[in-house]
Amino acid sequence: MEPMLVSESARRREDLIDLAMELTAESAAFKSSLPQNIVSSLANLVRSMNCYYSNLIEGHNTHPVDIERALQDDYSTDARKRDLQLEAKAHITVQKWIDDGGLSGRTSSAEGLIETHKRFCELLPADLLSTTDPQTGETVSVVPGAFRDRDVQVGRHIPVSSGAIPRFLERFSSAYSHLNRTNRVLASAAAHHRLLWIHPFLDGNGRVTRLMTHAMLLENLDTGAIWSVARGLARQEAEYKRHLANCDKIRQGDLDGRGHLSQNALINFTEFFLQTAIDQVKFMRALVEPNRLRERILSWARAEIAANALPTKSDIILDAILYRGELPRSDIPGLLDVVERQARRVTSVLQQQNVLTSESPKAPFRLAFPATLAGKWMPGLFPEQPQ
C-alpha cells in the first residue's frame, strides 16, 4: 500500500502543505470566534449532522431529527427505521467518546481502530450485525472488534488477505503515528484511503474510517468538533468515491512515485479532501457567524412569541446567552424584571422547546441547538425532513 505519504520530492507537495496550513488557520479562527459554551452546544448538533452524512454515504438515510429522537429514546414503530435510529445512536455515542478524548494519542493504532469498531458494533441491533458474502450468498455474522477472517472483494478492489491484516495495520500505525502537525493534517487523507484499502473488518469499515478521520482532525486541528468533513464528502459522493477508486490503482509509470500504488492519485485525493475540509469550515463559520446567528435565533423567538408559542421576553434570555455564552439562573429575574417564579416559567418553556440546557438544576443555562430548529437557525446544514 505504499506510498503511505506524499513524497517530499513530489511536485505538488508544497501546494498541499499550503492547503493543510490554510485548513489549520481556518479551523482555529472558527473555533476562537465562538464562546466556549456555544462550541460545546454546537458540537452536539454537529455529531448528529456528522452521523447523518456518514450514514448517508453508506446508503442509510436517518434524518438528524430522527437521530435526536433516538437520543431521547423515542424510536419509530417501523422496525427498519428503529434499527437505523439505533445505528445512528451508536455512531453518536462513539463520536462523543472520541470527542471526549477516547482515542487521544492512538487514532491510527490497531488498538484504537479495534476499540472504535467494538464500541460501535456492540450498540447495533442484531439485524445490523450480519452481512452477506456476495460470492456465496452466505450470511456472515459481524463480531464487534474482530478482524475479518475471510478474503473479500469491495467493488473492483481486492483488499489484503485476512491473515495479512495485522501486518498491514502495523505499517499503517507506524506511518501515521510520528509526524509533525502539518504532516499529520496532510496525511489525514492518505490514512483515510489506506484504511479503507486494508478493509480490516468484515463490515463497518466506512464508518470506522470516517470516525478515525474525525479523530485525527480533532486531535491535530483542535476542531472543537464543530465542523464535519463528512458533510462535504457526502455532498460530493460520486467524486469522493471516484478518488478512492483511483487511489486503489497501481503506479502509472515512472513519473507516478516509487511505491506500488499511484502517488498522483493520492495527491489528487489529498487535494480534494483538504479543499473539502476547508470549504466545510468556511460554510460552518458563515452559518454561525455571531451576528447572523443572533439575528436568525431572535427572529425565530419573536415569531414564536407573537404566535403565543413562547412566553413574552423569551428572546431577552436567548439574546443574553448568545452574548455571554451562559446565563446564571440568579440573573434571570433581574434581566426580565419579573419575580423568580415568572422567570422560571419562561426558562421552563424554553427547556421544553430544547433550546436551553444546563448541566444540573442549579447550573447556568446554555444555548442548545435542536435538530428540529436547524432549518430556521442554521439553514442548509442538512436537508429539511420530509413530511
Protein backbone atom coordinates (compact mmCIF):
# COMPACT_ATOMS: atom_id res chain seq x y z
CA MET A 1 0.00 0.00 0.00
CA GLU A 2 2.99 2.30 -0.40
CA PRO A 3 3.29 5.26 -0.66
CA MET A 4 1.81 5.95 2.77
CA LEU A 5 2.60 9.67 2.44
CA VAL A 6 3.02 12.10 -0.41
CA SER A 7 6.73 12.13 -1.18
CA GLU A 8 8.70 15.21 -0.15
CA SER A 9 10.01 15.38 -3.72
CA ALA A 10 6.52 15.35 -5.28
CA ARG A 11 5.99 18.42 -7.46
CA ARG A 12 2.66 19.38 -5.89
CA ARG A 13 3.61 18.75 -2.28
CA GLU A 14 4.12 22.44 -1.47
CA ASP A 15 0.61 23.21 -2.74
CA LEU A 16 -0.76 20.52 -0.45
CA ILE A 17 1.17 21.93 2.51
CA ASP A 18 -0.36 25.33 1.76
CA LEU A 19 -3.83 23.73 1.89
CA ALA A 20 -3.01 21.97 5.17
CA MET A 21 -1.86 25.26 6.69
CA GLU A 22 -4.95 27.06 5.38
CA LEU A 23 -7.17 24.39 6.93
CA THR A 24 -5.32 24.75 10.24
CA ALA A 25 -5.75 28.52 10.25
CA GLU A 26 -9.43 28.44 9.19
CA SER A 27 -10.34 25.83 11.80
CA ALA A 28 -8.56 27.73 14.61
CA ALA A 29 -10.16 31.04 13.62
CA PHE A 30 -13.62 29.48 13.53
CA LYS A 31 -13.36 27.90 16.96
CA SER A 32 -11.86 31.02 18.56
CA SER A 33 -14.71 33.17 17.17
CA LEU A 34 -17.28 31.44 19.40
CA PRO A 35 -17.77 31.41 23.19
CA GLN A 36 -16.70 28.03 24.64
CA ASN A 37 -20.21 27.21 25.82
CA ILE A 38 -21.57 27.78 22.32
CA VAL A 39 -18.81 25.49 20.99
CA SER A 40 -19.91 22.70 23.35
CA SER A 41 -23.58 23.03 22.41
CA LEU A 42 -22.85 23.28 18.70
CA ALA A 43 -20.73 20.12 18.88
CA ASN A 44 -23.80 18.16 19.99
CA LEU A 45 -25.69 19.14 16.83
CA VAL A 46 -22.66 18.56 14.62
CA ARG A 47 -22.40 15.00 15.96
CA SER A 48 -25.90 14.35 14.65
CA MET A 49 -25.01 16.04 11.36
CA ASN A 50 -21.77 14.06 11.03
CA CYS A 51 -23.63 10.83 11.77
CA TYR A 52 -26.33 11.69 9.21
CA TYR A 53 -23.86 12.35 6.39
CA SER A 54 -21.60 9.41 7.25
CA ASN A 55 -24.57 7.04 7.22
CA LEU A 56 -25.84 8.64 4.01
CA ILE A 57 -22.61 7.60 2.29
CA GLU A 58 -23.47 4.03 3.35
CA GLY A 59 -26.96 4.35 1.86
CA HIS A 60 -28.68 4.74 5.25
CA ASN A 61 -30.81 7.89 5.40
CA THR A 62 -31.67 8.68 9.02
CA HIS A 63 -32.54 12.37 9.37
CA PRO A 64 -30.98 14.31 12.28
CA VAL A 65 -34.46 14.96 13.70
CA ASP A 66 -34.99 11.18 13.95
CA ILE A 67 -31.45 10.84 15.32
CA GLU A 68 -32.28 13.41 18.00
CA ARG A 69 -35.42 11.46 18.88
CA ALA A 70 -33.36 8.29 19.24
CA LEU A 71 -31.05 10.08 21.66
CA GLN A 72 -34.17 10.71 23.76
CA ASP A 73 -35.18 7.03 23.42
CA ASP A 74 -38.07 7.97 21.11
CA TYR A 75 -37.98 5.29 18.42
CA SER A 76 -40.05 4.64 15.32
CA THR A 77 -42.60 1.82 15.39
CA ASP A 78 -41.24 0.75 11.99
CA ALA A 79 -38.61 -1.97 12.67
CA ARG A 80 -36.26 -0.86 9.88
CA LYS A 81 -36.37 2.81 10.89
CA ARG A 82 -35.85 1.84 14.52
CA ASP A 83 -32.76 -0.19 13.57
CA LEU A 84 -31.35 2.80 11.68
CA GLN A 85 -32.07 5.07 14.65
CA LEU A 86 -30.16 2.67 16.89
CA GLU A 87 -27.32 2.61 14.38
CA ALA A 88 -27.21 6.41 14.40
CA LYS A 89 -27.29 6.48 18.19
CA ALA A 90 -24.34 4.05 18.24
CA HIS A 91 -22.38 6.31 15.89
CA ILE A 92 -23.03 9.38 18.04
CA THR A 93 -22.15 7.54 21.24
CA VAL A 94 -18.78 6.54 19.78
CA GLN A 95 -18.12 10.00 18.38
CA LYS A 96 -18.91 11.55 21.78
CA TRP A 97 -16.36 9.15 23.28
CA ILE A 98 -13.85 10.33 20.66
CA ASP A 99 -14.70 14.00 21.25
CA ASP A 100 -14.08 13.46 24.96
CA GLY A 101 -10.57 12.15 24.23
CA GLY A 102 -11.23 8.41 23.95
CA LEU A 103 -8.79 7.98 21.04
CA SER A 104 -6.27 10.61 22.07
CA GLY A 105 -2.76 9.56 21.07
CA ARG A 106 -3.88 6.36 19.32
CA THR A 107 -6.07 7.46 16.44
CA SER A 108 -4.17 5.37 13.89
CA SER A 109 -3.24 2.45 16.13
CA ALA A 110 -4.66 -1.05 15.60
CA GLU A 111 -5.79 -0.99 19.22
CA GLY A 112 -7.72 2.27 18.69
CA LEU A 113 -9.34 1.03 15.48
CA ILE A 114 -10.38 -2.24 17.14
CA GLU A 115 -11.90 -0.39 20.08
CA THR A 116 -13.77 2.01 17.78
CA HIS A 117 -15.26 -0.89 15.82
CA LYS A 118 -16.09 -2.78 19.01
CA ARG A 119 -17.81 0.18 20.67
CA PHE A 120 -19.83 0.91 17.54
CA CYS A 121 -20.91 -2.66 16.75
CA GLU A 122 -21.76 -3.58 20.33
CA LEU A 123 -24.51 -0.97 20.25
CA LEU A 124 -26.04 -2.14 16.96
CA PRO A 125 -29.28 -4.13 16.80
CA ALA A 126 -28.90 -7.80 15.86
CA ASP A 127 -30.34 -7.23 12.38
CA LEU A 128 -27.39 -4.95 11.52
CA LEU A 129 -24.70 -7.30 12.81
CA SER A 130 -24.52 -9.52 9.76
CA THR A 131 -23.51 -9.16 6.15
CA THR A 132 -23.95 -11.24 3.01
CA ASP A 133 -20.99 -12.71 1.15
CA PRO A 134 -21.60 -11.58 -2.47
CA GLN A 135 -19.71 -14.58 -3.84
CA THR A 136 -21.55 -17.32 -1.95
CA GLY A 137 -24.72 -15.60 -0.73
CA GLU A 138 -23.86 -16.78 2.78
CA THR A 139 -24.98 -14.64 5.73
CA VAL A 140 -21.99 -13.96 7.97
CA SER A 141 -22.10 -12.54 11.49
CA VAL A 142 -20.08 -9.42 12.29
CA VAL A 143 -18.13 -9.73 15.54
CA PRO A 144 -17.53 -6.38 17.30
CA GLY A 145 -13.83 -5.55 17.36
CA ALA A 146 -12.77 -8.62 15.35
CA PHE A 147 -10.78 -8.52 12.13
CA ARG A 148 -12.37 -10.32 9.20
CA ASP A 149 -11.38 -13.97 8.91
CA ARG A 150 -12.04 -14.35 5.18
CA ASP A 151 -10.96 -12.71 1.95
CA VAL A 152 -13.35 -10.21 0.39
CA GLN A 153 -13.82 -8.04 -2.67
CA VAL A 154 -15.09 -4.45 -2.49
CA GLY A 155 -16.20 -3.33 -5.93
CA ARG A 156 -13.15 -3.91 -8.12
CA HIS A 157 -10.76 -3.75 -5.19
CA ILE A 158 -9.48 -6.91 -3.53
CA PRO A 159 -8.21 -5.97 -0.03
CA VAL A 160 -5.30 -7.75 1.61
CA SER A 161 -5.81 -11.33 2.73
CA SER A 162 -7.28 -11.75 6.20
CA GLY A 163 -4.03 -13.19 7.59
CA ALA A 164 -2.07 -10.10 6.47
CA ILE A 165 -4.30 -7.56 8.24
CA PRO A 166 -2.22 -7.27 11.47
CA ARG A 167 0.98 -6.74 9.50
CA PHE A 168 -0.57 -4.05 7.29
CA LEU A 169 -2.10 -2.27 10.28
CA GLU A 170 1.29 -2.28 11.99
CA ARG A 171 2.71 -0.46 8.97
CA PHE A 172 -0.34 1.82 8.91
CA SER A 173 0.20 2.80 12.54
CA SER A 174 3.93 3.36 12.19
CA ALA A 175 3.42 5.58 9.13
CA TYR A 176 0.90 7.94 10.72
CA SER A 177 1.82 7.99 14.41
CA HIS A 178 5.05 10.01 14.44
CA LEU A 179 4.58 13.03 12.20
CA ASN A 180 4.70 16.74 12.92
CA ARG A 181 1.37 18.56 13.00
CA THR A 182 1.42 19.85 9.41
CA ASN A 183 2.28 16.41 8.07
CA ARG A 184 -0.42 14.80 10.24
CA VAL A 185 -3.01 17.11 8.68
CA LEU A 186 -1.58 16.39 5.24
CA ALA A 187 -1.63 12.65 5.94
CA SER A 188 -5.26 12.55 7.07
CA ALA A 189 -6.44 11.93 3.50
CA ALA A 190 -3.85 9.20 2.87
CA ALA A 191 -4.75 7.44 6.13
CA HIS A 192 -8.42 7.68 5.19
CA HIS A 193 -7.87 5.80 1.94
CA ARG A 194 -5.27 3.34 3.18
CA LEU A 195 -7.53 2.09 5.99
CA LEU A 196 -10.37 1.55 3.53
CA TRP A 197 -7.86 -0.21 1.25
CA ILE A 198 -6.88 -2.63 4.02
CA HIS A 199 -10.58 -3.19 4.89
CA PRO A 200 -9.74 -4.81 8.24
CA PHE A 201 -13.28 -5.62 9.38
CA LEU A 202 -15.99 -7.69 7.80
CA ASP A 203 -18.36 -4.71 7.91
CA GLY A 204 -18.33 -1.18 9.31
CA ASN A 205 -15.06 -0.12 7.65
CA GLY A 206 -16.51 3.07 6.16
CA ARG A 207 -17.87 4.30 9.46
CA VAL A 208 -14.74 3.34 11.41
CA THR A 209 -12.60 5.12 8.82
CA ARG A 210 -14.66 8.30 8.97
CA LEU A 211 -14.65 8.19 12.78
CA MET A 212 -10.86 7.74 12.70
CA THR A 213 -10.57 10.68 10.29
CA HIS A 214 -12.76 12.78 12.57
CA ALA A 215 -10.46 11.85 15.47
CA MET A 216 -7.32 12.73 13.50
CA LEU A 217 -8.66 16.16 12.55
CA LEU A 218 -9.96 16.75 16.08
CA GLU A 219 -6.57 15.94 17.58
CA ASN A 220 -4.38 17.70 15.04
CA LEU A 221 -6.51 20.80 14.45
CA ASP A 222 -8.29 21.11 17.81
CA THR A 223 -11.51 21.49 15.82
CA GLY A 224 -13.80 21.53 18.83
CA ALA A 225 -15.89 19.02 16.82
CA ILE A 226 -17.90 21.93 15.37
CA TRP A 227 -17.46 21.10 11.70
CA SER A 228 -17.52 17.88 9.73
CA VAL A 229 -15.67 16.83 6.60
CA ALA A 230 -18.24 14.02 6.21
CA ARG A 231 -20.83 16.58 5.13
CA GLY A 232 -18.60 17.69 2.26
CA LEU A 233 -17.74 14.11 1.25
CA ALA A 234 -21.40 13.08 1.23
CA ARG A 235 -22.43 16.11 -0.83
CA GLN A 236 -19.79 15.11 -3.42
CA GLU A 237 -20.25 11.37 -3.00
CA ALA A 238 -19.61 10.40 -6.63
CA GLU A 239 -16.36 12.39 -6.77
CA TYR A 240 -15.32 11.13 -3.33
CA LYS A 241 -15.77 7.50 -4.37
CA ARG A 242 -14.07 8.14 -7.72
CA HIS A 243 -11.00 9.45 -5.91
CA LEU A 244 -10.98 6.44 -3.58
CA ALA A 245 -11.18 4.07 -6.56
CA ASN A 246 -8.34 5.91 -8.31
CA CYS A 247 -6.20 5.59 -5.17
CA ASP A 248 -6.65 1.80 -5.43
CA LYS A 249 -4.79 1.81 -8.74
CA ILE A 250 -1.18 0.74 -9.10
CA ARG A 251 1.57 3.17 -10.10
CA GLN A 252 1.10 4.54 -13.61
CA GLY A 253 4.67 4.68 -14.94
CA ASP A 254 7.98 6.13 -13.75
CA LEU A 255 6.56 9.61 -13.08
CA ASP A 256 3.99 8.30 -10.60
CA GLY A 257 6.05 7.91 -7.46
CA ARG A 258 8.08 4.93 -6.27
CA GLY A 259 5.51 2.90 -4.35
CA HIS A 260 3.18 0.15 -5.56
CA LEU A 261 0.11 2.41 -5.64
CA SER A 262 -0.35 5.62 -7.64
CA GLN A 263 1.14 8.67 -5.94
CA ASN A 264 -0.60 11.02 -8.39
CA ALA A 265 -3.98 9.59 -7.40
CA LEU A 266 -3.07 10.04 -3.73
CA ILE A 267 -2.07 13.65 -4.39
CA ASN A 268 -5.35 14.33 -6.20
CA PHE A 269 -7.37 12.81 -3.36
CA THR A 270 -5.40 14.74 -0.74
CA GLU A 271 -6.11 17.99 -2.58
CA PHE A 272 -9.81 17.10 -2.87
CA PHE A 273 -10.01 16.09 0.80
CA LEU A 274 -8.26 19.17 2.19
CA GLN A 275 -10.22 21.54 -0.05
CA THR A 276 -13.45 19.85 1.02
CA ALA A 277 -12.50 20.28 4.67
CA ILE A 278 -11.65 23.96 4.14
CA ASP A 279 -15.00 24.52 2.40
CA GLN A 280 -16.84 22.92 5.34
CA VAL A 281 -15.07 25.09 7.91
CA LYS A 282 -15.92 28.20 5.90
CA PHE A 283 -19.53 27.06 5.49
CA MET A 284 -19.98 26.48 9.23
CA ARG A 285 -18.20 29.71 10.15
CA ALA A 286 -20.51 31.74 7.89
CA LEU A 287 -23.53 29.85 9.19
CA VAL A 288 -22.87 30.57 12.86
CA GLU A 289 -21.27 33.98 12.44
CA PRO A 290 -22.41 35.54 15.75
CA ASN A 291 -24.39 38.49 14.37
CA ARG A 292 -26.18 36.43 11.73
CA LEU A 293 -26.87 33.56 14.13
CA ARG A 294 -28.23 36.02 16.70
CA GLU A 295 -30.48 37.61 14.09
CA ARG A 296 -31.93 34.25 12.99
CA ILE A 297 -32.48 32.96 16.54
CA LEU A 298 -34.10 36.16 17.77
CA SER A 299 -36.26 36.38 14.65
CA TRP A 300 -37.48 32.84 15.36
CA ALA A 301 -38.09 33.60 19.04
CA ARG A 302 -40.08 36.77 18.32
CA ALA A 303 -42.21 34.96 15.77
CA GLU A 304 -42.90 32.24 18.36
CA ILE A 305 -43.78 34.86 20.97
CA ALA A 306 -46.19 36.54 18.53
CA ALA A 307 -47.82 33.13 17.95
CA ASN A 308 -48.08 32.54 21.72
CA ALA A 309 -45.78 29.53 21.42
CA LEU A 310 -43.16 31.14 23.70
CA PRO A 311 -43.62 33.40 26.72
CA THR A 312 -43.01 37.12 26.41
CA LYS A 313 -39.35 38.10 26.96
CA SER A 314 -38.02 34.67 25.89
CA ASP A 315 -35.96 36.49 23.28
CA ILE A 316 -34.22 38.53 26.01
CA ILE A 317 -32.92 35.33 27.63
CA LEU A 318 -31.69 33.94 24.33
CA ASP A 319 -30.03 37.24 23.45
CA ALA A 320 -28.21 37.32 26.77
CA ILE A 321 -26.93 33.76 26.37
CA LEU A 322 -25.77 34.45 22.83
CA TYR A 323 -23.82 37.43 24.14
CA ARG A 324 -22.40 35.83 27.30
CA GLY A 325 -22.20 32.15 26.39
CA GLU A 326 -24.11 31.13 29.52
CA LEU A 327 -26.60 32.71 31.91
CA PRO A 328 -26.71 32.12 35.70
CA ARG A 329 -30.24 31.40 36.92
CA SER A 330 -29.97 34.08 39.60
CA ASP A 331 -29.53 36.76 36.90
CA ILE A 332 -32.76 35.98 35.07
CA PRO A 333 -35.40 37.69 37.27
CA GLY A 334 -33.48 40.97 37.17
CA LEU A 335 -32.83 40.62 33.44
CA LEU A 336 -36.53 40.16 32.73
CA ASP A 337 -37.71 42.49 35.51
CA VAL A 338 -40.04 39.81 36.90
CA VAL A 339 -40.29 37.74 40.07
CA GLU A 340 -38.42 34.45 40.30
CA ARG A 341 -41.49 32.29 39.67
CA GLN A 342 -42.26 34.08 36.41
CA ALA A 343 -38.63 33.75 35.35
CA ARG A 344 -38.78 30.00 35.98
CA ARG A 345 -41.90 29.75 33.82
CA VAL A 346 -40.10 31.35 30.87
CA THR A 347 -36.99 29.16 31.18
CA SER A 348 -39.13 26.05 31.67
CA VAL A 349 -40.85 26.59 28.32
CA LEU A 350 -37.52 27.22 26.61
CA GLN A 351 -36.19 23.97 28.09
CA GLN A 352 -39.27 22.12 26.83
CA GLN A 353 -38.51 23.52 23.37
CA ASN A 354 -34.96 22.10 23.74
CA VAL A 355 -33.35 25.48 23.15
CA LEU A 356 -31.94 25.82 26.68
CA THR A 357 -29.83 23.28 28.51
CA SER A 358 -27.85 23.08 31.74
CA GLU A 359 -25.61 20.53 33.40
CA SER A 360 -27.68 20.43 36.61
CA PRO A 361 -30.83 22.01 38.12
CA LYS A 362 -28.69 24.80 39.59
CA ALA A 363 -26.12 25.22 36.82
CA PRO A 364 -26.19 28.19 34.41
CA PHE A 365 -28.25 27.92 31.24
CA ARG A 366 -26.55 27.41 27.90
CA LEU A 367 -27.95 27.53 24.39
CA ALA A 368 -28.84 24.21 22.79
CA PHE A 369 -29.09 23.62 19.04
CA PRO A 370 -32.01 21.23 18.45
CA ALA A 371 -32.12 19.49 15.08
CA THR A 372 -35.80 20.38 14.77
CA LEU A 373 -34.86 24.08 14.55
CA ALA A 374 -31.74 23.76 12.40
CA GLY A 375 -33.70 24.74 9.28
CA LYS A 376 -34.55 28.12 10.84
CA TRP A 377 -31.43 28.71 12.91
CA MET A 378 -28.82 27.26 10.53
CA PRO A 379 -30.37 26.81 7.08
CA GLY A 380 -28.53 24.44 4.76
CA LEU A 381 -26.86 22.40 7.49
CA PHE A 382 -28.80 19.36 6.33
CA PRO A 383 -31.92 18.83 4.21
CA GLU A 384 -35.33 19.54 5.61
CA GLN A 385 -37.01 16.45 6.99
CA PRO A 386 -39.59 15.01 4.57
CA GLN A 387 -43.14 15.37 5.82
